[in-house]
């Protein structure tokens, strides 16, 4: 018996939405969904955390994890 994980003929768009000046509302919703799915929306909305030299181990570990996630 052969099992599949779902439909094999599903088409997914691999291109990012393009902002053309007339589609702001639709583009904003699509980009927020993409960034939220990738778990980086907080960085885009709030900025990347910057720690001083007296940052705790937990703060430094969290920053390192975030940097790995976004590829910096």
PDB file of N, CA and C in Angstrom:
ATOM      1  N   UNK A   1       0.841  -1.168   0.000  1.00  0.00           N
ATOM      2  CA  UNK A   1       0.000   0.000   0.000  1.00  0.00           C
ATOM      3  C   UNK A   1       0.894   1.241   0.000  1.00  0.00           C
ATOM      4  N   UNK A   2       0.588   2.187  -0.866  1.00  0.00           N
ATOM      5  CA  UNK A   2       1.349   3.423  -0.979  1.00  0.00           C
ATOM      6  C   UNK A   2       0.555   4.556  -0.344  1.00  0.00           C
ATOM      7  N   UNK A   3       1.238   5.328   0.497  1.00  0.00           N
ATOM      8  CA  UNK A   3       0.590   6.481   1.122  1.00  0.00           C
ATOM      9  C   UNK A   3       1.244   7.756   0.621  1.00  0.00           C
ATOM     10  N   UNK A   4       0.442   8.778   0.484  1.00  0.00           N
ATOM     11  CA  UNK A   4       0.978  10.091   0.131  1.00  0.00           C
ATOM     12  C   UNK A   4       0.600  11.060   1.235  1.00  0.00           C
ATOM     13  N   UNK A   5       1.369  12.131   1.337  1.00  0.00           N
ATOM     14  CA  UNK A   5       1.136  13.127   2.371  1.00  0.00           C
ATOM     15  C   UNK A   5       0.093  14.168   1.963  1.00  0.00           C
ATOM     16  N   UNK A   6      -0.448  14.052   0.803  1.00  0.00           N
ATOM     17  CA  UNK A   6      -1.439  15.017   0.341  1.00  0.00           C
ATOM     18  C   UNK A   6      -1.424  15.067  -1.169  1.00  0.00           C
ATOM     19  N   UNK A   7      -2.124  16.023  -1.739  1.00  0.00           N
ATOM     20  CA  UNK A   7      -2.158  16.135  -3.196  1.00  0.00           C
ATOM     21  C   UNK A   7      -0.762  16.383  -3.773  1.00  0.00           C
ATOM     22  N   UNK A   8      -0.479  15.745  -4.870  1.00  0.00           N
ATOM     23  CA  UNK A   8       0.834  15.911  -5.492  1.00  0.00           C
ATOM     24  C   UNK A   8       0.832  16.957  -6.588  1.00  0.00           C
ATOM     25  N   UNK A   9      -0.316  17.442  -6.959  1.00  0.00           N
ATOM     26  CA  UNK A   9      -0.390  18.424  -8.050  1.00  0.00           C
ATOM     27  C   UNK A   9      -0.779  19.811  -7.544  1.00  0.00           C
ATOM     28  N   UNK A  10      -0.345  20.163  -6.352  1.00  0.00           N
ATOM     29  CA  UNK A  10      -0.667  21.470  -5.768  1.00  0.00           C
ATOM     30  C   UNK A  10       0.332  22.495  -6.278  1.00  0.00           C
ATOM     31  N   UNK A  11      -0.163  23.634  -6.730  1.00  0.00           N
ATOM     32  CA  UNK A  11       0.699  24.703  -7.219  1.00  0.00           C
ATOM     33  C   UNK A  11       0.877  25.753  -6.132  1.00  0.00           C
ATOM     34  N   UNK A  12       2.139  26.020  -5.790  1.00  0.00           N
ATOM     35  CA  UNK A  12       2.460  27.062  -4.827  1.00  0.00           C
ATOM     36  C   UNK A  12       3.276  28.132  -5.527  1.00  0.00           C
ATOM     37  N   UNK A  13       2.973  29.362  -5.221  1.00  0.00           N
ATOM     38  CA  UNK A  13       3.733  30.461  -5.786  1.00  0.00           C
ATOM     39  C   UNK A  13       5.043  30.607  -5.020  1.00  0.00           C
ATOM     40  N   UNK A  14       6.148  30.694  -5.740  1.00  0.00           N
ATOM     41  CA  UNK A  14       7.442  30.848  -5.087  1.00  0.00           C
ATOM     42  C   UNK A  14       7.961  32.273  -5.198  1.00  0.00           C
ATOM     43  N   UNK A  15       7.189  33.156  -5.783  1.00  0.00           N
ATOM     44  CA  UNK A  15       7.630  34.537  -5.913  1.00  0.00           C
ATOM     45  C   UNK A  15       7.014  35.384  -4.800  1.00  0.00           C
ATOM     46  N   UNK A  16       7.756  36.395  -4.386  1.00  0.00           N
ATOM     47  CA  UNK A  16       7.259  37.305  -3.367  1.00  0.00           C
ATOM     48  C   UNK A  16       6.312  38.320  -3.988  1.00  0.00           C
ATOM     49  N   UNK A  17       5.350  38.806  -3.214  1.00  0.00           N
ATOM     50  CA  UNK A  17       4.453  39.834  -3.736  1.00  0.00           C
ATOM     51  C   UNK A  17       5.235  41.105  -4.074  1.00  0.00           C
ATOM     52  N   UNK A  18       4.824  41.763  -5.125  1.00  0.00           N
ATOM     53  CA  UNK A  18       5.491  42.976  -5.574  1.00  0.00           C
ATOM     54  C   UNK A  18       4.609  44.183  -5.265  1.00  0.00           C
ATOM     55  N   UNK A  19       5.206  45.170  -4.625  1.00  0.00           N
ATOM     56  CA  UNK A  19       4.488  46.406  -4.323  1.00  0.00           C
ATOM     57  C   UNK A  19       4.605  47.325  -5.532  1.00  0.00           C
ATOM     58  N   UNK A  20       3.463  47.723  -6.085  1.00  0.00           N
ATOM     59  CA  UNK A  20       3.494  48.578  -7.271  1.00  0.00           C
ATOM     60  C   UNK A  20       2.890  49.952  -7.035  1.00  0.00           C
ATOM     61  N   UNK A  21       2.582  50.271  -5.789  1.00  0.00           N
ATOM     62  CA  UNK A  21       2.027  51.577  -5.479  1.00  0.00           C
ATOM     63  C   UNK A  21       0.511  51.601  -5.449  1.00  0.00           C
ATOM     64  N   UNK A  22      -0.124  50.618  -6.050  1.00  0.00           N
ATOM     65  CA  UNK A  22      -1.583  50.575  -6.089  1.00  0.00           C
ATOM     66  C   UNK A  22      -2.146  49.429  -5.263  1.00  0.00           C
ATOM     67  N   UNK A  23      -1.276  48.526  -4.810  1.00  0.00           N
ATOM     68  CA  UNK A  23      -1.742  47.335  -4.120  1.00  0.00           C
ATOM     69  C   UNK A  23      -1.229  47.261  -2.678  1.00  0.00           C
ATOM     70  N   UNK A  24      -1.090  48.405  -2.028  1.00  0.00           N
ATOM     71  CA  UNK A  24      -0.505  48.466  -0.688  1.00  0.00           C
ATOM     72  C   UNK A  24      -1.205  47.534   0.299  1.00  0.00           C
ATOM     73  N   UNK A  25      -2.535  47.585   0.388  1.00  0.00           N
ATOM     74  CA  UNK A  25      -3.256  46.787   1.379  1.00  0.00           C
ATOM     75  C   UNK A  25      -3.027  45.295   1.183  1.00  0.00           C
ATOM     76  N   UNK A  26      -3.140  44.829  -0.039  1.00  0.00           N
ATOM     77  CA  UNK A  26      -2.930  43.409  -0.332  1.00  0.00           C
ATOM     78  C   UNK A  26      -1.475  43.013  -0.086  1.00  0.00           C
ATOM     79  N   UNK A  27      -0.533  43.835  -0.528  1.00  0.00           N
ATOM     80  CA  UNK A  27       0.896  43.545  -0.352  1.00  0.00           C
ATOM     81  C   UNK A  27       1.251  43.471   1.132  1.00  0.00           C
ATOM     82  N   UNK A  28       0.737  44.421   1.918  1.00  0.00           N
ATOM     83  CA  UNK A  28       1.021  44.467   3.354  1.00  0.00           C
ATOM     84  C   UNK A  28       0.539  43.196   4.047  1.00  0.00           C
ATOM     85  N   UNK A  29      -0.645  42.743   3.743  1.00  0.00           N
ATOM     86  CA  UNK A  29      -1.195  41.531   4.352  1.00  0.00           C
ATOM     87  C   UNK A  29      -0.359  40.311   3.951  1.00  0.00           C
ATOM     88  N   UNK A  30       0.007  40.222   2.679  1.00  0.00           N
ATOM     89  CA  UNK A  30       0.802  39.085   2.209  1.00  0.00           C
ATOM     90  C   UNK A  30       2.186  39.072   2.865  1.00  0.00           C
ATOM     91  N   UNK A  31       2.835  40.225   2.932  1.00  0.00           N
ATOM     92  CA  UNK A  31       4.172  40.286   3.525  1.00  0.00           C
ATOM     93  C   UNK A  31       4.126  39.976   5.018  1.00  0.00           C
ATOM     94  N   UNK A  32       3.108  40.465   5.709  1.00  0.00           N
ATOM     95  CA  UNK A  32       2.986  40.174   7.133  1.00  0.00           C
ATOM     96  C   UNK A  32       2.798  38.677   7.352  1.00  0.00           C
ATOM     97  N   UNK A  33       2.010  38.032   6.524  1.00  0.00           N
ATOM     98  CA  UNK A  33       1.804  36.587   6.640  1.00  0.00           C
ATOM     99  C   UNK A  33       3.099  35.826   6.393  1.00  0.00           C
ATOM    100  N   UNK A  34       3.857  36.227   5.384  1.00  0.00           N
ATOM    101  CA  UNK A  34       5.133  35.570   5.068  1.00  0.00           C
ATOM    102  C   UNK A  34       6.120  35.742   6.213  1.00  0.00           C
ATOM    103  N   UNK A  35       6.265  36.959   6.705  1.00  0.00           N
ATOM    104  CA  UNK A  35       7.216  37.237   7.776  1.00  0.00           C
ATOM    105  C   UNK A  35       6.792  36.588   9.088  1.00  0.00           C
ATOM    106  N   UNK A  36       5.492  36.510   9.348  1.00  0.00           N
ATOM    107  CA  UNK A  36       5.003  35.850  10.552  1.00  0.00           C
ATOM    108  C   UNK A  36       5.264  34.346  10.464  1.00  0.00           C
ATOM    109  N   UNK A  37       5.041  33.761   9.311  1.00  0.00           N
ATOM    110  CA  UNK A  37       5.301  32.330   9.110  1.00  0.00           C
ATOM    111  C   UNK A  37       6.775  32.016   9.350  1.00  0.00           C
ATOM    112  N   UNK A  38       7.641  32.895   8.914  1.00  0.00           N
ATOM    113  CA  UNK A  38       9.081  32.698   9.094  1.00  0.00           C
ATOM    114  C   UNK A  38       9.556  33.111  10.492  1.00  0.00           C
ATOM    115  N   UNK A  39       8.622  33.572  11.306  1.00  0.00           N
ATOM    116  CA  UNK A  39       8.883  33.972  12.690  1.00  0.00           C
ATOM    117  C   UNK A  39       9.909  35.100  12.797  1.00  0.00           C
ATOM    118  N   UNK A  40       9.848  36.054  11.881  1.00  0.00           N
ATOM    119  CA  UNK A  40      10.738  37.221  11.926  1.00  0.00           C
ATOM    120  C   UNK A  40       9.960  38.529  11.930  1.00  0.00           C
ATOM    121  N   UNK A  41       8.649  38.473  12.075  1.00  0.00           N
ATOM    122  CA  UNK A  41       7.833  39.676  12.024  1.00  0.00           C
ATOM    123  C   UNK A  41       8.194  40.650  13.143  1.00  0.00           C
ATOM    124  N   UNK A  42       8.556  40.125  14.326  1.00  0.00           N
ATOM    125  CA  UNK A  42       8.906  40.997  15.439  1.00  0.00           C
ATOM    126  C   UNK A  42      10.152  41.825  15.124  1.00  0.00           C
ATOM    127  N   UNK A  43      11.103  41.229  14.449  1.00  0.00           N
ATOM    128  CA  UNK A  43      12.333  41.937  14.090  1.00  0.00           C
ATOM    129  C   UNK A  43      12.021  43.051  13.096  1.00  0.00           C
ATOM    130  N   UNK A  44      11.140  42.778  12.158  1.00  0.00           N
ATOM    131  CA  UNK A  44      10.780  43.783  11.155  1.00  0.00           C
ATOM    132  C   UNK A  44      10.022  44.932  11.808  1.00  0.00           C
ATOM    133  N   UNK A  45       9.100  44.617  12.703  1.00  0.00           N
ATOM    134  CA  UNK A  45       8.270  45.650  13.315  1.00  0.00           C
ATOM    135  C   UNK A  45       8.974  46.403  14.440  1.00  0.00           C
ATOM    136  N   UNK A  46       9.806  45.709  15.215  1.00  0.00           N
ATOM    137  CA  UNK A  46      10.394  46.323  16.404  1.00  0.00           C
ATOM    138  C   UNK A  46      11.883  46.573  16.294  1.00  0.00           C
ATOM    139  N   UNK A  47      12.526  46.031  15.290  1.00  0.00           N
ATOM    140  CA  UNK A  47      13.962  46.185  15.142  1.00  0.00           C
ATOM    141  C   UNK A  47      14.720  45.067  15.830  1.00  0.00           C
ATOM    142  N   UNK A  48      15.990  44.979  15.523  1.00  0.00           N
ATOM    143  CA  UNK A  48      16.842  43.937  16.082  1.00  0.00           C
ATOM    144  C   UNK A  48      17.360  44.376  17.438  1.00  0.00           C
ATOM    145  N   UNK A  49      17.275  43.498  18.452  1.00  0.00           N
ATOM    146  CA  UNK A  49      17.734  43.900  19.789  1.00  0.00           C
ATOM    147  C   UNK A  49      19.251  44.104  19.834  1.00  0.00           C
ATOM    148  N   UNK A  50      19.656  45.181  20.478  1.00  0.00           N
ATOM    149  CA  UNK A  50      21.076  45.467  20.664  1.00  0.00           C
ATOM    150  C   UNK A  50      21.351  45.411  22.159  1.00  0.00           C
ATOM    151  N   UNK A  51      22.328  44.598  22.529  1.00  0.00           N
ATOM    152  CA  UNK A  51      22.632  44.418  23.941  1.00  0.00           C
ATOM    153  C   UNK A  51      23.954  45.096  24.304  1.00  0.00           C
ATOM    154  N   UNK A  52      24.030  45.546  25.513  1.00  0.00           N
ATOM    155  CA  UNK A  52      25.272  46.122  26.027  1.00  0.00           C
ATOM    156  C   UNK A  52      26.167  44.998  26.535  1.00  0.00           C
ATOM    157  N   UNK A  53      27.333  45.346  26.963  1.00  0.00           N
ATOM    158  CA  UNK A  53      28.285  44.341  27.438  1.00  0.00           C
ATOM    159  C   UNK A  53      27.818  43.650  28.707  1.00  0.00           C
ATOM    160  N   UNK A  54      26.879  44.232  29.447  1.00  0.00           N
ATOM    161  CA  UNK A  54      26.385  43.608  30.669  1.00  0.00           C
ATOM    162  C   UNK A  54      25.105  42.791  30.451  1.00  0.00           C
ATOM    163  N   UNK A  55      24.834  42.412  29.206  1.00  0.00           N
ATOM    164  CA  UNK A  55      23.658  41.604  28.905  1.00  0.00           C
ATOM    165  C   UNK A  55      23.790  40.236  29.563  1.00  0.00           C
ATOM    166  N   UNK A  56      22.652  39.679  29.941  1.00  0.00           N
ATOM    167  CA  UNK A  56      22.665  38.371  30.595  1.00  0.00           C
ATOM    168  C   UNK A  56      22.930  37.273  29.570  1.00  0.00           C
ATOM    169  N   UNK A  57      23.266  36.101  30.058  1.00  0.00           N
ATOM    170  CA  UNK A  57      23.501  34.946  29.199  1.00  0.00           C
ATOM    171  C   UNK A  57      22.257  34.645  28.362  1.00  0.00           C
ATOM    172  N   UNK A  58      21.073  34.718  28.978  1.00  0.00           N
ATOM    173  CA  UNK A  58      19.829  34.434  28.276  1.00  0.00           C
ATOM    174  C   UNK A  58      19.607  35.436  27.147  1.00  0.00           C
ATOM    175  N   UNK A  59      19.855  36.722  27.392  1.00  0.00           N
ATOM    176  CA  UNK A  59      19.699  37.734  26.350  1.00  0.00           C
ATOM    177  C   UNK A  59      20.654  37.469  25.194  1.00  0.00           C
ATOM    178  N   UNK A  60      21.904  37.135  25.509  1.00  0.00           N
ATOM    179  CA  UNK A  60      22.886  36.860  24.458  1.00  0.00           C
ATOM    180  C   UNK A  60      22.513  35.614  23.673  1.00  0.00           C
ATOM    181  N   UNK A  61      22.029  34.581  24.360  1.00  0.00           N
ATOM    182  CA  UNK A  61      21.629  33.344  23.688  1.00  0.00           C
ATOM    183  C   UNK A  61      20.435  33.589  22.761  1.00  0.00           C
ATOM    184  N   UNK A  62      19.481  34.387  23.225  1.00  0.00           N
ATOM    185  CA  UNK A  62      18.311  34.701  22.401  1.00  0.00           C
ATOM    186  C   UNK A  62      18.726  35.493  21.164  1.00  0.00           C
ATOM    187  N   UNK A  63      19.610  36.466  21.331  1.00  0.00           N
ATOM    188  CA  UNK A  63      20.096  37.247  20.200  1.00  0.00           C
ATOM    189  C   UNK A  63      20.810  36.343  19.198  1.00  0.00           C
ATOM    190  N   UNK A  64      21.617  35.422  19.680  1.00  0.00           N
ATOM    191  CA  UNK A  64      22.330  34.494  18.802  1.00  0.00           C
ATOM    192  C   UNK A  64      21.347  33.630  18.025  1.00  0.00           C
ATOM    193  N   UNK A  65      20.290  33.158  18.692  1.00  0.00           N
ATOM    194  CA  UNK A  65      19.270  32.333  18.038  1.00  0.00           C
ATOM    195  C   UNK A  65      18.561  33.133  16.927  1.00  0.00           C
ATOM    196  N   UNK A  66      18.215  34.371  17.225  1.00  0.00           N
ATOM    197  CA  UNK A  66      17.543  35.225  16.238  1.00  0.00           C
ATOM    198  C   UNK A  66      18.461  35.483  15.050  1.00  0.00           C
ATOM    199  N   UNK A  67      19.724  35.768  15.306  1.00  0.00           N
ATOM    200  CA  UNK A  67      20.680  36.017  14.211  1.00  0.00           C
ATOM    201  C   UNK A  67      20.809  34.805  13.302  1.00  0.00           C
ATOM    202  N   UNK A  68      20.836  33.611  13.881  1.00  0.00           N
ATOM    203  CA  UNK A  68      20.906  32.396  13.062  1.00  0.00           C
ATOM    204  C   UNK A  68      19.662  32.267  12.201  1.00  0.00           C
ATOM    205  N   UNK A  69      18.506  32.580  12.785  1.00  0.00           N
ATOM    206  CA  UNK A  69      17.249  32.438  12.073  1.00  0.00           C
ATOM    207  C   UNK A  69      17.170  33.364  10.853  1.00  0.00           C
ATOM    208  N   UNK A  70      17.687  34.588  10.988  1.00  0.00           N
ATOM    209  CA  UNK A  70      17.591  35.530   9.877  1.00  0.00           C
ATOM    210  C   UNK A  70      18.831  35.541   9.011  1.00  0.00           C
ATOM    211  N   UNK A  71      19.825  34.738   9.364  1.00  0.00           N
ATOM    212  CA  UNK A  71      21.018  34.607   8.517  1.00  0.00           C
ATOM    213  C   UNK A  71      22.008  35.725   8.645  1.00  0.00           C
ATOM    214  N   UNK A  72      22.143  36.339   9.795  1.00  0.00           N
ATOM    215  CA  UNK A  72      23.132  37.422   9.994  1.00  0.00           C
ATOM    216  C   UNK A  72      24.211  36.961  10.917  1.00  0.00           C
TER     217      UNK A  72
END
